[in-house]
């Protein structure tokens, strides 16, 4: 039986979407900006009337690509040094065009895949998009499945000079996720979404 805290709602899941609470922006200022990101600090008023501040990181949306060689059961990964965490890690190819936010995500995905791995995809399928960390950032990433692969030459940028790529069996990729070798959340989420959609 329902208790007296509220009416029982038959069939409604616990995570059902509620009406959004509106947080009002009173003032906003840019506290840091460079080519790749902007940090904004907003003065806000909550629905109960209390006030506070909210820091928001603005970065361009980016793409992540799973290049799959179905005939051999392989997925292409890249490894590079990630300065903020001072380590080299394996991940799916990914990137953004900071100076050209008007370019369609699929075009960016094709170019980033080619630049980082040398692979040209005959078929590119959009899987979906996710927010990277919506607790503090508006940034999203668009997930693509690349197939019908032809190997070409890489065109690495200066920031990617240490990047290496390798084709890895799917079972090994999943083991790398499970044992913590792959620690990039974007890669894990993209692989998981593709698995849920029956694309892997």
N, C-alpha and C. Protein backbone atom coordinates (compact mmCIF):
# COMPACT_ATOMS: atom_id res chain seq x y z
N UNK A 1 0.85 -1.19 0.00
CA UNK A 1 0.00 0.00 0.00
C UNK A 1 0.87 1.23 0.00
N UNK A 2 0.41 2.30 -0.67
CA UNK A 2 1.20 3.53 -0.64
C UNK A 2 1.14 4.16 0.74
N UNK A 3 2.22 4.82 1.15
CA UNK A 3 2.17 5.52 2.43
C UNK A 3 1.56 6.90 2.21
N UNK A 4 1.52 7.71 3.29
CA UNK A 4 0.85 9.00 3.17
C UNK A 4 1.77 10.09 2.66
N UNK A 5 2.93 9.72 2.08
CA UNK A 5 3.82 10.73 1.50
C UNK A 5 3.35 11.16 0.11
N UNK A 6 2.48 10.44 -0.50
CA UNK A 6 2.00 10.81 -1.83
C UNK A 6 1.22 9.67 -2.45
N UNK A 7 0.56 9.96 -3.54
CA UNK A 7 -0.24 8.94 -4.21
C UNK A 7 0.66 7.97 -4.94
N UNK A 8 0.24 6.72 -4.95
CA UNK A 8 0.95 5.71 -5.72
C UNK A 8 0.69 5.94 -7.20
N UNK A 9 1.77 5.87 -8.02
CA UNK A 9 1.63 6.05 -9.46
C UNK A 9 1.99 4.73 -10.13
N UNK A 10 0.97 3.98 -10.51
CA UNK A 10 1.17 2.65 -11.05
C UNK A 10 1.91 2.73 -12.39
N UNK A 11 2.98 1.94 -12.48
CA UNK A 11 3.71 1.86 -13.73
C UNK A 11 4.71 2.95 -13.97
N UNK A 12 4.81 3.93 -13.11
CA UNK A 12 5.76 5.02 -13.32
C UNK A 12 7.11 4.64 -12.74
N UNK A 13 8.16 4.60 -13.54
CA UNK A 13 9.47 4.25 -13.01
C UNK A 13 10.01 5.33 -12.08
N UNK A 14 10.93 4.91 -11.20
CA UNK A 14 11.51 5.86 -10.26
C UNK A 14 12.23 7.00 -10.95
N UNK A 15 12.77 6.73 -12.15
CA UNK A 15 13.55 7.74 -12.85
C UNK A 15 12.72 8.53 -13.87
N UNK A 16 11.39 8.46 -13.75
CA UNK A 16 10.55 9.22 -14.67
C UNK A 16 10.91 10.70 -14.62
N UNK A 17 10.89 11.34 -15.79
CA UNK A 17 11.29 12.74 -15.88
C UNK A 17 10.27 13.63 -15.17
N UNK A 18 10.75 14.49 -14.31
CA UNK A 18 9.89 15.44 -13.61
C UNK A 18 9.89 16.77 -14.33
N UNK A 19 8.92 17.61 -14.02
CA UNK A 19 8.90 18.96 -14.59
C UNK A 19 10.17 19.69 -14.17
N UNK A 20 10.82 20.37 -15.11
CA UNK A 20 12.09 21.01 -14.79
C UNK A 20 11.92 22.17 -13.82
N UNK A 21 12.85 22.23 -12.87
CA UNK A 21 12.90 23.38 -11.97
C UNK A 21 13.72 24.46 -12.67
N UNK A 22 13.18 25.66 -12.78
CA UNK A 22 13.85 26.72 -13.52
C UNK A 22 14.81 27.47 -12.60
N UNK A 23 16.08 27.49 -13.00
CA UNK A 23 17.08 28.28 -12.30
C UNK A 23 17.32 29.53 -13.14
N UNK A 24 17.12 30.69 -12.53
CA UNK A 24 17.21 31.95 -13.26
C UNK A 24 18.62 32.51 -13.22
N UNK A 25 19.13 32.92 -14.39
CA UNK A 25 20.44 33.56 -14.46
C UNK A 25 20.27 35.05 -14.22
N UNK A 26 20.96 35.55 -13.20
CA UNK A 26 20.88 36.97 -12.85
C UNK A 26 21.99 37.76 -13.55
N UNK A 27 23.17 37.17 -13.60
CA UNK A 27 24.32 37.83 -14.20
C UNK A 27 25.27 36.76 -14.71
N UNK A 28 26.12 37.11 -15.66
CA UNK A 28 27.07 36.16 -16.21
C UNK A 28 28.34 36.88 -16.64
N UNK A 29 29.51 36.23 -16.38
CA UNK A 29 30.77 36.83 -16.82
C UNK A 29 31.74 35.73 -17.22
N UNK A 30 32.60 36.04 -18.18
CA UNK A 30 33.63 35.11 -18.62
C UNK A 30 34.84 35.30 -17.72
N UNK A 31 35.30 34.22 -17.06
CA UNK A 31 36.43 34.32 -16.15
C UNK A 31 37.72 33.78 -16.76
N UNK A 32 37.61 32.99 -17.85
CA UNK A 32 38.80 32.48 -18.53
C UNK A 32 38.41 32.06 -19.93
N UNK A 33 39.33 32.27 -20.89
CA UNK A 33 39.03 31.88 -22.27
C UNK A 33 40.33 31.64 -23.02
N UNK A 34 40.37 30.57 -23.83
CA UNK A 34 41.44 30.35 -24.77
C UNK A 34 40.85 29.73 -26.04
N UNK A 35 41.72 29.22 -26.91
CA UNK A 35 41.23 28.68 -28.18
C UNK A 35 40.29 27.50 -27.99
N UNK A 36 40.51 26.70 -26.96
CA UNK A 36 39.79 25.44 -26.80
C UNK A 36 38.61 25.49 -25.84
N UNK A 37 38.58 26.48 -24.97
CA UNK A 37 37.53 26.47 -23.94
C UNK A 37 37.26 27.86 -23.40
N UNK A 38 36.11 27.98 -22.74
CA UNK A 38 35.74 29.21 -22.05
C UNK A 38 35.07 28.82 -20.74
N UNK A 39 35.43 29.51 -19.67
CA UNK A 39 34.83 29.26 -18.36
C UNK A 39 33.96 30.47 -17.99
N UNK A 40 32.70 30.18 -17.72
CA UNK A 40 31.72 31.22 -17.42
C UNK A 40 31.25 31.07 -15.98
N UNK A 41 31.10 32.18 -15.28
CA UNK A 41 30.55 32.14 -13.92
C UNK A 41 29.23 32.91 -13.91
N UNK A 42 28.17 32.22 -13.55
CA UNK A 42 26.83 32.82 -13.53
C UNK A 42 26.35 33.03 -12.10
N UNK A 43 25.77 34.18 -11.86
CA UNK A 43 25.02 34.41 -10.62
C UNK A 43 23.60 33.90 -10.89
N UNK A 44 23.09 33.05 -10.01
CA UNK A 44 21.80 32.40 -10.26
C UNK A 44 20.83 32.59 -9.09
N UNK A 45 19.55 32.40 -9.41
CA UNK A 45 18.51 32.35 -8.39
C UNK A 45 17.77 31.03 -8.55
N UNK A 46 17.71 30.25 -7.48
CA UNK A 46 17.04 28.95 -7.51
C UNK A 46 15.53 29.11 -7.35
N UNK A 47 14.78 28.04 -7.65
CA UNK A 47 13.32 28.12 -7.55
C UNK A 47 12.81 28.56 -6.17
N UNK A 48 13.58 28.25 -5.10
CA UNK A 48 13.14 28.64 -3.76
C UNK A 48 13.53 30.07 -3.40
N UNK A 49 14.16 30.79 -4.34
CA UNK A 49 14.54 32.18 -4.10
C UNK A 49 15.95 32.36 -3.60
N UNK A 50 16.60 31.28 -3.19
CA UNK A 50 17.98 31.41 -2.73
C UNK A 50 18.90 31.67 -3.92
N UNK A 51 20.03 32.30 -3.64
CA UNK A 51 20.96 32.68 -4.71
C UNK A 51 22.30 31.98 -4.55
N UNK A 52 23.03 31.91 -5.65
CA UNK A 52 24.34 31.28 -5.63
C UNK A 52 25.09 31.56 -6.92
N UNK A 53 26.17 30.86 -7.14
CA UNK A 53 26.91 30.98 -8.38
C UNK A 53 27.06 29.59 -9.01
N UNK A 54 27.22 29.59 -10.32
CA UNK A 54 27.41 28.36 -11.06
C UNK A 54 28.52 28.57 -12.07
N UNK A 55 29.54 27.70 -12.01
CA UNK A 55 30.61 27.73 -13.00
C UNK A 55 30.29 26.78 -14.13
N UNK A 56 30.41 27.26 -15.36
CA UNK A 56 30.10 26.45 -16.54
C UNK A 56 31.30 26.46 -17.49
N UNK A 57 31.73 25.27 -17.90
CA UNK A 57 32.80 25.15 -18.89
C UNK A 57 32.16 24.99 -20.26
N UNK A 58 32.49 25.90 -21.16
CA UNK A 58 31.98 25.84 -22.52
C UNK A 58 33.10 25.34 -23.44
N UNK A 59 32.86 24.22 -24.10
CA UNK A 59 33.80 23.68 -25.08
C UNK A 59 33.01 23.24 -26.30
N UNK A 60 33.62 23.27 -27.47
CA UNK A 60 32.90 22.81 -28.67
C UNK A 60 32.53 21.34 -28.56
N UNK A 61 31.42 20.98 -29.17
CA UNK A 61 31.07 19.57 -29.26
C UNK A 61 32.17 18.84 -30.02
N UNK A 62 32.30 17.53 -29.77
CA UNK A 62 33.31 16.76 -30.47
C UNK A 62 32.73 15.45 -30.97
N UNK A 63 33.53 14.70 -31.70
CA UNK A 63 33.09 13.43 -32.25
C UNK A 63 33.97 12.31 -31.71
N UNK A 64 33.41 11.11 -31.65
CA UNK A 64 34.16 9.90 -31.30
C UNK A 64 33.77 8.83 -32.29
N UNK A 65 34.77 8.10 -32.79
CA UNK A 65 34.53 7.18 -33.90
C UNK A 65 35.01 5.77 -33.56
N UNK A 66 34.14 4.80 -33.73
CA UNK A 66 34.52 3.39 -33.62
C UNK A 66 34.66 2.86 -35.03
N UNK A 67 35.92 2.69 -35.47
CA UNK A 67 36.19 2.15 -36.80
C UNK A 67 36.30 0.63 -36.68
N UNK A 68 35.33 -0.08 -37.24
CA UNK A 68 35.19 -1.52 -37.04
C UNK A 68 35.48 -2.28 -38.34
N UNK A 69 36.43 -3.20 -38.24
CA UNK A 69 36.73 -4.13 -39.33
C UNK A 69 35.99 -5.43 -39.00
N UNK A 70 34.78 -5.58 -39.54
CA UNK A 70 33.94 -6.72 -39.16
C UNK A 70 34.52 -8.04 -39.64
N UNK A 71 35.15 -8.05 -40.79
CA UNK A 71 35.69 -9.29 -41.33
C UNK A 71 36.72 -9.91 -40.40
N UNK A 72 37.50 -9.06 -39.73
CA UNK A 72 38.54 -9.55 -38.83
C UNK A 72 38.20 -9.36 -37.35
N UNK A 73 37.03 -8.78 -37.07
CA UNK A 73 36.61 -8.59 -35.68
C UNK A 73 37.47 -7.60 -34.91
N UNK A 74 37.91 -6.51 -35.58
CA UNK A 74 38.83 -5.55 -34.97
C UNK A 74 38.21 -4.17 -34.83
N UNK A 75 38.65 -3.46 -33.81
CA UNK A 75 38.30 -2.05 -33.62
C UNK A 75 39.61 -1.26 -33.53
N UNK A 76 39.64 -0.10 -34.15
CA UNK A 76 40.85 0.73 -34.16
C UNK A 76 40.86 1.66 -32.95
N UNK A 77 41.94 1.58 -32.18
CA UNK A 77 42.15 2.44 -31.02
C UNK A 77 43.37 3.32 -31.26
N UNK A 78 43.43 4.42 -30.51
CA UNK A 78 44.63 5.26 -30.52
C UNK A 78 45.11 5.41 -29.09
N UNK A 79 46.41 5.64 -28.93
CA UNK A 79 46.99 5.89 -27.62
C UNK A 79 47.80 7.17 -27.70
N UNK A 80 47.62 8.03 -26.69
CA UNK A 80 48.40 9.25 -26.65
C UNK A 80 48.55 9.73 -25.21
N UNK A 81 49.48 10.64 -25.02
CA UNK A 81 49.71 11.21 -23.69
C UNK A 81 48.65 12.25 -23.40
N UNK A 82 48.03 12.14 -22.23
CA UNK A 82 47.01 13.10 -21.80
C UNK A 82 47.57 13.92 -20.64
N UNK A 83 47.90 15.16 -20.93
CA UNK A 83 48.61 16.01 -19.99
C UNK A 83 47.92 16.17 -18.62
N UNK A 84 46.61 16.45 -18.55
CA UNK A 84 45.98 16.67 -17.24
C UNK A 84 46.12 15.51 -16.27
N UNK A 85 46.21 14.27 -16.79
CA UNK A 85 46.33 13.11 -15.91
C UNK A 85 47.71 12.45 -16.01
N UNK A 86 48.61 13.10 -16.75
CA UNK A 86 50.02 12.69 -16.83
C UNK A 86 50.20 11.21 -17.14
N UNK A 87 49.54 10.76 -18.20
CA UNK A 87 49.67 9.36 -18.58
C UNK A 87 49.23 9.10 -20.01
N UNK A 88 49.68 7.99 -20.54
CA UNK A 88 49.27 7.56 -21.88
C UNK A 88 48.11 6.56 -21.74
N UNK A 89 47.07 6.76 -22.56
CA UNK A 89 45.89 5.90 -22.46
C UNK A 89 45.34 5.59 -23.85
N UNK A 90 44.74 4.39 -23.95
CA UNK A 90 44.06 3.97 -25.17
C UNK A 90 42.64 4.50 -25.18
N UNK A 91 42.16 4.85 -26.37
CA UNK A 91 40.81 5.39 -26.52
C UNK A 91 40.38 5.26 -27.97
N UNK A 92 39.11 5.49 -28.24
CA UNK A 92 38.64 5.60 -29.61
C UNK A 92 39.11 6.92 -30.20
N UNK A 93 39.34 6.99 -31.51
CA UNK A 93 39.67 8.28 -32.12
C UNK A 93 38.57 9.30 -31.85
N UNK A 94 38.98 10.52 -31.57
CA UNK A 94 38.01 11.57 -31.27
C UNK A 94 38.64 12.94 -31.47
N UNK A 95 37.78 13.95 -31.61
CA UNK A 95 38.30 15.30 -31.79
C UNK A 95 37.22 16.28 -32.16
N UNK A 96 37.61 17.56 -32.25
CA UNK A 96 36.68 18.62 -32.61
C UNK A 96 37.40 19.65 -33.49
N UNK A 97 36.61 20.48 -34.15
CA UNK A 97 37.16 21.59 -34.94
C UNK A 97 36.74 22.88 -34.24
N UNK A 98 37.59 23.37 -33.34
CA UNK A 98 37.25 24.53 -32.52
C UNK A 98 36.95 25.78 -33.35
N UNK A 99 37.66 25.93 -34.46
CA UNK A 99 37.50 27.14 -35.26
C UNK A 99 36.40 27.03 -36.31
N UNK A 100 35.79 25.83 -36.44
CA UNK A 100 34.73 25.64 -37.44
C UNK A 100 33.55 24.88 -36.84
N UNK A 101 32.85 25.50 -35.88
CA UNK A 101 31.74 24.81 -35.22
C UNK A 101 30.54 24.57 -36.12
N UNK A 102 30.53 25.17 -37.31
CA UNK A 102 29.41 25.03 -38.24
C UNK A 102 29.49 23.75 -39.07
N UNK A 103 30.64 23.06 -39.05
CA UNK A 103 30.81 21.86 -39.86
C UNK A 103 30.01 20.70 -39.27
N UNK A 104 29.36 19.94 -40.12
CA UNK A 104 28.52 18.82 -39.68
C UNK A 104 29.37 17.77 -38.96
N UNK A 105 28.84 17.19 -37.87
CA UNK A 105 29.61 16.19 -37.10
C UNK A 105 30.14 15.04 -37.95
N UNK A 106 29.37 14.55 -38.93
CA UNK A 106 29.86 13.43 -39.74
C UNK A 106 31.11 13.81 -40.52
N UNK A 107 31.15 15.03 -41.03
CA UNK A 107 32.34 15.49 -41.76
C UNK A 107 33.55 15.56 -40.84
N UNK A 108 33.32 16.06 -39.63
CA UNK A 108 34.39 16.11 -38.64
C UNK A 108 34.87 14.71 -38.30
N UNK A 109 33.93 13.78 -38.13
CA UNK A 109 34.27 12.40 -37.79
C UNK A 109 35.12 11.76 -38.88
N UNK A 110 34.74 11.94 -40.13
CA UNK A 110 35.52 11.37 -41.23
C UNK A 110 36.94 11.93 -41.24
N UNK A 111 37.05 13.24 -41.05
CA UNK A 111 38.36 13.89 -41.09
C UNK A 111 39.23 13.49 -39.90
N UNK A 112 38.65 13.46 -38.71
CA UNK A 112 39.42 13.09 -37.51
C UNK A 112 39.92 11.65 -37.59
N UNK A 113 39.06 10.76 -38.08
CA UNK A 113 39.47 9.36 -38.22
C UNK A 113 40.64 9.24 -39.18
N UNK A 114 40.56 9.95 -40.30
CA UNK A 114 41.62 9.90 -41.29
C UNK A 114 42.91 10.51 -40.76
N UNK A 115 42.80 11.64 -40.07
CA UNK A 115 43.98 12.31 -39.54
C UNK A 115 44.71 11.45 -38.51
N UNK A 116 43.95 10.84 -37.61
CA UNK A 116 44.56 10.11 -36.49
C UNK A 116 45.01 8.70 -36.86
N UNK A 117 44.29 8.04 -37.74
CA UNK A 117 44.60 6.64 -38.04
C UNK A 117 44.95 6.38 -39.50
N UNK A 118 44.69 7.35 -40.38
CA UNK A 118 44.88 7.15 -41.81
C UNK A 118 43.74 6.40 -42.46
N UNK A 119 42.70 6.07 -41.70
CA UNK A 119 41.60 5.25 -42.23
C UNK A 119 40.56 6.13 -42.92
N UNK A 120 40.15 5.69 -44.10
CA UNK A 120 39.03 6.32 -44.81
C UNK A 120 37.85 5.37 -44.73
N UNK A 121 36.72 5.88 -44.23
CA UNK A 121 35.54 5.05 -44.03
C UNK A 121 34.60 5.15 -45.22
N UNK A 122 34.25 4.00 -45.81
CA UNK A 122 33.28 3.98 -46.89
C UNK A 122 31.87 4.18 -46.38
N UNK A 123 31.64 3.81 -45.11
CA UNK A 123 30.31 3.93 -44.51
C UNK A 123 30.45 4.51 -43.12
N UNK A 124 29.67 5.54 -42.83
CA UNK A 124 29.69 6.19 -41.51
C UNK A 124 28.25 6.25 -40.99
N UNK A 125 28.00 5.63 -39.84
CA UNK A 125 26.67 5.59 -39.25
C UNK A 125 26.65 6.36 -37.94
N UNK A 126 25.71 7.29 -37.83
CA UNK A 126 25.56 8.03 -36.58
C UNK A 126 24.88 7.15 -35.54
N UNK A 127 25.51 7.01 -34.38
CA UNK A 127 24.97 6.16 -33.31
C UNK A 127 24.13 6.96 -32.34
N UNK A 128 24.54 8.19 -32.04
CA UNK A 128 23.82 9.03 -31.10
C UNK A 128 24.74 10.10 -30.54
N UNK A 129 24.24 10.83 -29.55
CA UNK A 129 25.09 11.82 -28.89
C UNK A 129 24.83 11.80 -27.39
N UNK A 130 25.86 12.14 -26.64
CA UNK A 130 25.79 12.16 -25.18
C UNK A 130 26.45 13.44 -24.66
N UNK A 131 26.06 13.88 -23.47
CA UNK A 131 26.76 14.97 -22.81
C UNK A 131 27.99 14.40 -22.11
N UNK A 132 29.09 15.13 -22.17
CA UNK A 132 30.32 14.67 -21.55
C UNK A 132 30.23 14.70 -20.04
N UNK A 133 29.84 15.84 -19.48
CA UNK A 133 29.78 16.01 -18.02
C UNK A 133 28.85 17.17 -17.71
N UNK A 134 27.54 16.92 -17.83
CA UNK A 134 26.61 18.05 -17.77
C UNK A 134 26.41 18.66 -16.39
N UNK A 135 27.16 18.17 -15.41
CA UNK A 135 27.15 18.83 -14.11
C UNK A 135 27.90 20.14 -14.12
N UNK A 136 28.83 20.29 -15.07
CA UNK A 136 29.59 21.54 -15.13
C UNK A 136 29.88 22.01 -16.56
N UNK A 137 29.47 21.25 -17.57
CA UNK A 137 29.81 21.63 -18.94
C UNK A 137 28.64 21.36 -19.88
N UNK A 138 28.53 22.19 -20.92
CA UNK A 138 27.48 22.02 -21.93
C UNK A 138 27.95 21.15 -23.10
N UNK A 139 29.19 20.68 -23.06
CA UNK A 139 29.78 19.95 -24.18
C UNK A 139 29.13 18.59 -24.42
N UNK A 140 28.89 18.29 -25.70
CA UNK A 140 28.36 16.99 -26.12
C UNK A 140 29.36 16.30 -27.03
N UNK A 141 29.17 15.00 -27.21
CA UNK A 141 29.94 14.32 -28.24
C UNK A 141 29.01 13.44 -29.08
N UNK A 142 29.35 13.39 -30.37
CA UNK A 142 28.58 12.65 -31.36
C UNK A 142 29.32 11.35 -31.68
N UNK A 143 28.62 10.25 -31.59
CA UNK A 143 29.22 8.93 -31.73
C UNK A 143 28.94 8.38 -33.13
N UNK A 144 30.00 7.92 -33.78
CA UNK A 144 29.85 7.35 -35.13
C UNK A 144 30.50 5.98 -35.21
N UNK A 145 29.86 5.12 -36.02
CA UNK A 145 30.40 3.81 -36.36
C UNK A 145 30.92 3.89 -37.79
N UNK A 146 32.23 3.63 -37.96
CA UNK A 146 32.84 3.67 -39.29
C UNK A 146 33.08 2.25 -39.78
N UNK A 147 32.69 1.98 -41.03
CA UNK A 147 32.86 0.66 -41.63
C UNK A 147 33.36 0.80 -43.06
N UNK A 148 33.61 -0.34 -43.71
CA UNK A 148 34.17 -0.35 -45.08
C UNK A 148 35.44 0.47 -45.11
N UNK A 149 36.42 0.01 -44.35
CA UNK A 149 37.62 0.81 -44.07
C UNK A 149 38.72 0.59 -45.11
N UNK A 150 39.37 1.68 -45.50
CA UNK A 150 40.52 1.64 -46.39
C UNK A 150 41.67 2.37 -45.70
N UNK A 151 42.82 1.74 -45.61
CA UNK A 151 43.95 2.34 -44.91
C UNK A 151 44.68 3.34 -45.80
N UNK A 152 44.90 4.53 -45.26
CA UNK A 152 45.66 5.56 -45.94
C UNK A 152 46.74 6.10 -45.03
N UNK A 153 47.12 7.37 -45.22
CA UNK A 153 48.17 8.00 -44.44
C UNK A 153 47.59 8.91 -43.37
N UNK A 154 48.24 8.95 -42.22
CA UNK A 154 47.82 9.86 -41.15
C UNK A 154 48.25 11.29 -41.45
N UNK A 155 47.66 12.25 -40.74
CA UNK A 155 48.03 13.66 -40.86
C UNK A 155 47.93 14.29 -39.48
N UNK A 156 48.83 13.90 -38.59
CA UNK A 156 48.75 14.30 -37.19
C UNK A 156 49.12 15.76 -36.99
N UNK A 157 48.39 16.41 -36.06
CA UNK A 157 48.71 17.77 -35.66
C UNK A 157 49.82 17.72 -34.61
N UNK A 158 50.37 18.91 -34.29
CA UNK A 158 51.48 18.97 -33.33
C UNK A 158 51.10 18.37 -31.99
N UNK A 159 49.85 18.59 -31.54
CA UNK A 159 49.40 18.07 -30.25
C UNK A 159 49.26 16.55 -30.26
N UNK A 160 49.26 15.96 -31.47
CA UNK A 160 49.07 14.52 -31.60
C UNK A 160 50.33 13.80 -32.07
N UNK A 161 51.47 14.46 -31.99
CA UNK A 161 52.70 13.91 -32.56
C UNK A 161 53.08 12.57 -31.95
N UNK A 162 52.68 12.34 -30.71
CA UNK A 162 53.04 11.09 -30.02
C UNK A 162 51.98 10.01 -30.17
N UNK A 163 50.94 10.28 -30.95
CA UNK A 163 49.80 9.36 -31.06
C UNK A 163 50.19 8.12 -31.86
N UNK A 164 49.76 6.96 -31.37
CA UNK A 164 49.92 5.71 -32.10
C UNK A 164 48.55 5.06 -32.23
N UNK A 165 48.35 4.27 -33.28
CA UNK A 165 47.07 3.59 -33.47
C UNK A 165 47.29 2.10 -33.65
N UNK A 166 46.26 1.33 -33.31
CA UNK A 166 46.37 -0.13 -33.40
C UNK A 166 44.98 -0.72 -33.56
N UNK A 167 44.87 -1.74 -34.38
CA UNK A 167 43.61 -2.49 -34.52
C UNK A 167 43.61 -3.61 -33.49
N UNK A 168 42.55 -3.65 -32.69
CA UNK A 168 42.49 -4.55 -31.53
C UNK A 168 41.23 -5.42 -31.63
N UNK A 169 41.32 -6.72 -31.36
CA UNK A 169 40.12 -7.56 -31.34
C UNK A 169 39.09 -7.05 -30.33
N UNK A 170 37.82 -7.15 -30.68
CA UNK A 170 36.75 -6.64 -29.82
C UNK A 170 36.83 -7.22 -28.42
N UNK A 171 37.08 -8.51 -28.30
CA UNK A 171 37.16 -9.13 -26.97
C UNK A 171 38.29 -8.52 -26.15
N UNK A 172 39.39 -8.18 -26.80
CA UNK A 172 40.52 -7.57 -26.09
C UNK A 172 40.17 -6.14 -25.66
N UNK A 173 39.45 -5.42 -26.52
CA UNK A 173 39.01 -4.06 -26.16
C UNK A 173 38.13 -4.11 -24.92
N UNK A 174 37.19 -5.05 -24.90
CA UNK A 174 36.30 -5.18 -23.74
C UNK A 174 37.09 -5.55 -22.49
N UNK A 175 38.11 -6.40 -22.63
CA UNK A 175 38.96 -6.75 -21.49
C UNK A 175 39.74 -5.53 -21.01
N UNK A 176 40.16 -4.68 -21.94
CA UNK A 176 40.89 -3.46 -21.58
C UNK A 176 40.00 -2.50 -20.80
N UNK A 177 38.72 -2.46 -21.14
CA UNK A 177 37.78 -1.65 -20.37
C UNK A 177 37.62 -2.23 -18.97
N UNK A 178 37.42 -3.54 -18.90
CA UNK A 178 37.16 -4.21 -17.62
C UNK A 178 38.34 -4.11 -16.67
N UNK A 179 39.58 -4.20 -17.20
CA UNK A 179 40.74 -4.20 -16.29
C UNK A 179 41.32 -2.80 -16.06
N UNK A 180 40.70 -1.78 -16.64
CA UNK A 180 41.15 -0.41 -16.39
C UNK A 180 42.24 0.09 -17.31
N UNK A 181 42.60 -0.69 -18.32
CA UNK A 181 43.58 -0.21 -19.29
C UNK A 181 43.00 0.95 -20.09
N UNK A 182 41.74 0.81 -20.50
CA UNK A 182 41.01 1.92 -21.11
C UNK A 182 40.26 2.64 -20.00
N UNK A 183 40.59 3.92 -19.80
CA UNK A 183 39.98 4.69 -18.71
C UNK A 183 39.26 5.94 -19.20
N UNK A 184 39.15 6.06 -20.51
CA UNK A 184 38.46 7.20 -21.10
C UNK A 184 36.95 6.96 -21.07
N UNK A 185 36.24 7.80 -20.33
CA UNK A 185 34.80 7.59 -20.16
C UNK A 185 34.03 7.71 -21.47
N UNK A 186 34.48 8.58 -22.35
CA UNK A 186 33.82 8.72 -23.65
C UNK A 186 33.89 7.42 -24.44
N UNK A 187 35.06 6.80 -24.45
CA UNK A 187 35.24 5.53 -25.16
C UNK A 187 34.35 4.45 -24.56
N UNK A 188 34.33 4.35 -23.24
CA UNK A 188 33.52 3.33 -22.57
C UNK A 188 32.04 3.53 -22.87
N UNK A 189 31.57 4.79 -22.80
CA UNK A 189 30.16 5.07 -23.06
C UNK A 189 29.80 4.80 -24.51
N UNK A 190 30.67 5.19 -25.43
CA UNK A 190 30.39 4.97 -26.85
C UNK A 190 30.30 3.48 -27.17
N UNK A 191 31.24 2.71 -26.65
CA UNK A 191 31.21 1.26 -26.87
C UNK A 191 29.96 0.64 -26.25
N UNK A 192 29.60 1.10 -25.06
CA UNK A 192 28.41 0.58 -24.39
C UNK A 192 27.13 0.89 -25.16
N UNK A 193 27.02 2.11 -25.68
CA UNK A 193 25.83 2.48 -26.45
C UNK A 193 25.73 1.66 -27.72
N UNK A 194 26.87 1.47 -28.39
CA UNK A 194 26.85 0.65 -29.61
C UNK A 194 26.50 -0.80 -29.31
N UNK A 195 26.97 -1.31 -28.20
CA UNK A 195 26.63 -2.68 -27.79
C UNK A 195 25.12 -2.78 -27.51
N UNK A 196 24.58 -1.81 -26.81
CA UNK A 196 23.15 -1.82 -26.49
C UNK A 196 22.29 -1.74 -27.76
N UNK A 197 22.78 -1.06 -28.78
CA UNK A 197 22.04 -0.91 -30.02
C UNK A 197 22.31 -2.06 -31.01
N UNK A 198 23.11 -3.04 -30.57
CA UNK A 198 23.39 -4.19 -31.42
C UNK A 198 24.33 -3.91 -32.57
N UNK A 199 25.15 -2.88 -32.44
CA UNK A 199 26.07 -2.50 -33.50
C UNK A 199 27.45 -3.12 -33.33
N UNK A 200 27.71 -3.73 -32.20
CA UNK A 200 28.98 -4.42 -31.95
C UNK A 200 28.73 -5.89 -31.63
